[in-house]
Amino acid sequence: MALEPGEIVLWAAIFGVLVGVVWSLKYIVILDRRIERIEDHIESILEHVKKKR
């Protein structure tokens, strides 16, 4: 079962897109975790400021 050159290019493009999506999701998850940490930190700062007043 030999693939034609056009099919090889098509499968390579599909594989490349899938790898790109997985790679992007990894960074989206990392950014989401950082944003959650920043939000928690801001909330703790606001609670601290409210206690001082």
N, C-alpha and C. Protein backbone atom coordinates (compact mmCIF):
# COMPACT_ATOMS: atom_id res chain seq x y z
N MET A 1 0.84 -1.18 0.00
CA MET A 1 0.00 0.00 0.00
C MET A 1 0.89 1.25 0.00
N ALA A 2 1.24 1.70 -1.15
CA ALA A 2 2.09 2.89 -1.28
C ALA A 2 1.22 4.13 -1.41
N LEU A 3 1.60 5.16 -0.71
CA LEU A 3 0.86 6.42 -0.79
C LEU A 3 1.42 7.29 -1.91
N GLU A 4 0.53 8.01 -2.54
CA GLU A 4 0.95 8.96 -3.56
C GLU A 4 1.51 10.20 -2.88
N PRO A 5 2.33 10.97 -3.58
CA PRO A 5 2.92 12.16 -2.96
C PRO A 5 1.89 13.14 -2.41
N GLY A 6 0.77 13.29 -3.11
CA GLY A 6 -0.28 14.19 -2.62
C GLY A 6 -0.87 13.72 -1.31
N GLU A 7 -1.04 12.41 -1.18
CA GLU A 7 -1.58 11.85 0.06
C GLU A 7 -0.59 12.03 1.22
N ILE A 8 0.68 11.87 0.92
CA ILE A 8 1.71 12.05 1.96
C ILE A 8 1.67 13.48 2.48
N VAL A 9 1.56 14.44 1.57
CA VAL A 9 1.49 15.85 1.97
C VAL A 9 0.25 16.10 2.80
N LEU A 10 -0.88 15.54 2.38
CA LEU A 10 -2.13 15.71 3.12
C LEU A 10 -2.03 15.15 4.53
N TRP A 11 -1.52 13.94 4.67
CA TRP A 11 -1.39 13.32 5.99
C TRP A 11 -0.37 14.08 6.85
N ALA A 12 0.69 14.57 6.24
CA ALA A 12 1.67 15.36 6.99
C ALA A 12 1.03 16.65 7.50
N ALA A 13 0.19 17.28 6.67
CA ALA A 13 -0.48 18.51 7.09
C ALA A 13 -1.46 18.23 8.23
N ILE A 14 -2.21 17.15 8.13
CA ILE A 14 -3.16 16.79 9.19
C ILE A 14 -2.41 16.50 10.48
N PHE A 15 -1.33 15.75 10.39
CA PHE A 15 -0.54 15.44 11.58
C PHE A 15 0.05 16.72 12.18
N GLY A 16 0.53 17.61 11.34
CA GLY A 16 1.09 18.88 11.81
C GLY A 16 0.06 19.73 12.53
N VAL A 17 -1.15 19.77 11.99
CA VAL A 17 -2.22 20.54 12.63
C VAL A 17 -2.55 19.94 13.99
N LEU A 18 -2.64 18.62 14.07
CA LEU A 18 -2.95 17.98 15.36
C LEU A 18 -1.86 18.25 16.39
N VAL A 19 -0.62 18.16 15.98
CA VAL A 19 0.49 18.44 16.91
C VAL A 19 0.41 19.90 17.36
N GLY A 20 0.11 20.80 16.44
CA GLY A 20 -0.01 22.22 16.78
C GLY A 20 -1.12 22.48 17.78
N VAL A 21 -2.25 21.82 17.61
CA VAL A 21 -3.37 21.99 18.54
C VAL A 21 -3.00 21.49 19.93
N VAL A 22 -2.39 20.32 20.00
CA VAL A 22 -1.99 19.77 21.31
C VAL A 22 -0.96 20.68 21.96
N TRP A 23 -0.01 21.17 21.20
CA TRP A 23 1.02 22.07 21.72
C TRP A 23 0.39 23.34 22.26
N SER A 24 -0.56 23.90 21.53
CA SER A 24 -1.24 25.12 21.96
C SER A 24 -2.04 24.89 23.23
N LEU A 25 -2.73 23.75 23.32
CA LEU A 25 -3.52 23.45 24.51
C LEU A 25 -2.63 23.39 25.75
N LYS A 26 -1.44 22.87 25.58
CA LYS A 26 -0.51 22.79 26.72
C LYS A 26 -0.24 24.19 27.26
N TYR A 27 0.02 25.13 26.37
CA TYR A 27 0.32 26.49 26.80
C TYR A 27 -0.92 27.22 27.30
N ILE A 28 -2.09 26.90 26.75
CA ILE A 28 -3.32 27.50 27.24
C ILE A 28 -3.58 27.06 28.68
N VAL A 29 -3.34 25.79 28.98
CA VAL A 29 -3.52 25.29 30.34
C VAL A 29 -2.54 25.96 31.29
N ILE A 30 -1.29 26.12 30.86
CA ILE A 30 -0.29 26.78 31.71
C ILE A 30 -0.70 28.22 31.98
N LEU A 31 -1.15 28.95 30.95
CA LEU A 31 -1.58 30.34 31.14
C LEU A 31 -2.80 30.42 32.04
N ASP A 32 -3.73 29.47 31.90
CA ASP A 32 -4.93 29.47 32.74
C ASP A 32 -4.56 29.29 34.21
N ARG A 33 -3.61 28.40 34.48
CA ARG A 33 -3.18 28.19 35.86
C ARG A 33 -2.52 29.44 36.43
N ARG A 34 -1.71 30.12 35.62
CA ARG A 34 -1.06 31.35 36.08
C ARG A 34 -2.10 32.42 36.37
N ILE A 35 -3.11 32.55 35.51
CA ILE A 35 -4.16 33.54 35.72
C ILE A 35 -4.92 33.24 36.99
N GLU A 36 -5.22 31.97 37.26
CA GLU A 36 -5.91 31.60 38.49
C GLU A 36 -5.08 31.98 39.72
N ARG A 37 -3.76 31.74 39.65
CA ARG A 37 -2.90 32.12 40.78
C ARG A 37 -2.91 33.63 40.99
N ILE A 38 -2.86 34.37 39.90
CA ILE A 38 -2.88 35.84 40.00
C ILE A 38 -4.20 36.30 40.61
N GLU A 39 -5.32 35.71 40.17
CA GLU A 39 -6.62 36.06 40.72
C GLU A 39 -6.68 35.77 42.22
N ASP A 40 -6.18 34.61 42.63
CA ASP A 40 -6.16 34.28 44.06
C ASP A 40 -5.32 35.29 44.85
N HIS A 41 -4.20 35.67 44.27
CA HIS A 41 -3.33 36.64 44.94
C HIS A 41 -4.02 37.99 45.07
N ILE A 42 -4.70 38.42 44.02
CA ILE A 42 -5.42 39.70 44.06
C ILE A 42 -6.52 39.64 45.11
N GLU A 43 -7.24 38.52 45.18
CA GLU A 43 -8.29 38.38 46.20
C GLU A 43 -7.72 38.46 47.60
N SER A 44 -6.58 37.83 47.83
CA SER A 44 -5.99 37.88 49.18
C SER A 44 -5.52 39.29 49.51
N ILE A 45 -5.01 40.01 48.52
CA ILE A 45 -4.59 41.40 48.75
C ILE A 45 -5.81 42.26 49.09
N LEU A 46 -6.91 42.07 48.35
CA LEU A 46 -8.12 42.84 48.62
C LEU A 46 -8.67 42.55 50.01
N GLU A 47 -8.65 41.28 50.43
CA GLU A 47 -9.10 40.93 51.78
C GLU A 47 -8.21 41.59 52.82
N HIS A 48 -6.92 41.63 52.57
CA HIS A 48 -5.98 42.26 53.50
C HIS A 48 -6.27 43.76 53.60
N VAL A 49 -6.53 44.40 52.48
CA VAL A 49 -6.83 45.84 52.46
C VAL A 49 -8.15 46.10 53.19
N LYS A 50 -9.16 45.25 53.01
CA LYS A 50 -10.44 45.42 53.68
C LYS A 50 -10.29 45.29 55.19
N LYS A 51 -9.43 44.37 55.64
CA LYS A 51 -9.22 44.19 57.08
C LYS A 51 -8.55 45.41 57.70
N LYS A 52 -7.68 46.06 56.95
CA LYS A 52 -7.00 47.25 57.47
C LYS A 52 -7.97 48.41 57.65
N ARG A 53 -9.01 48.50 56.83
CA ARG A 53 -9.97 49.60 56.92
C ARG A 53 -10.89 49.39 58.03
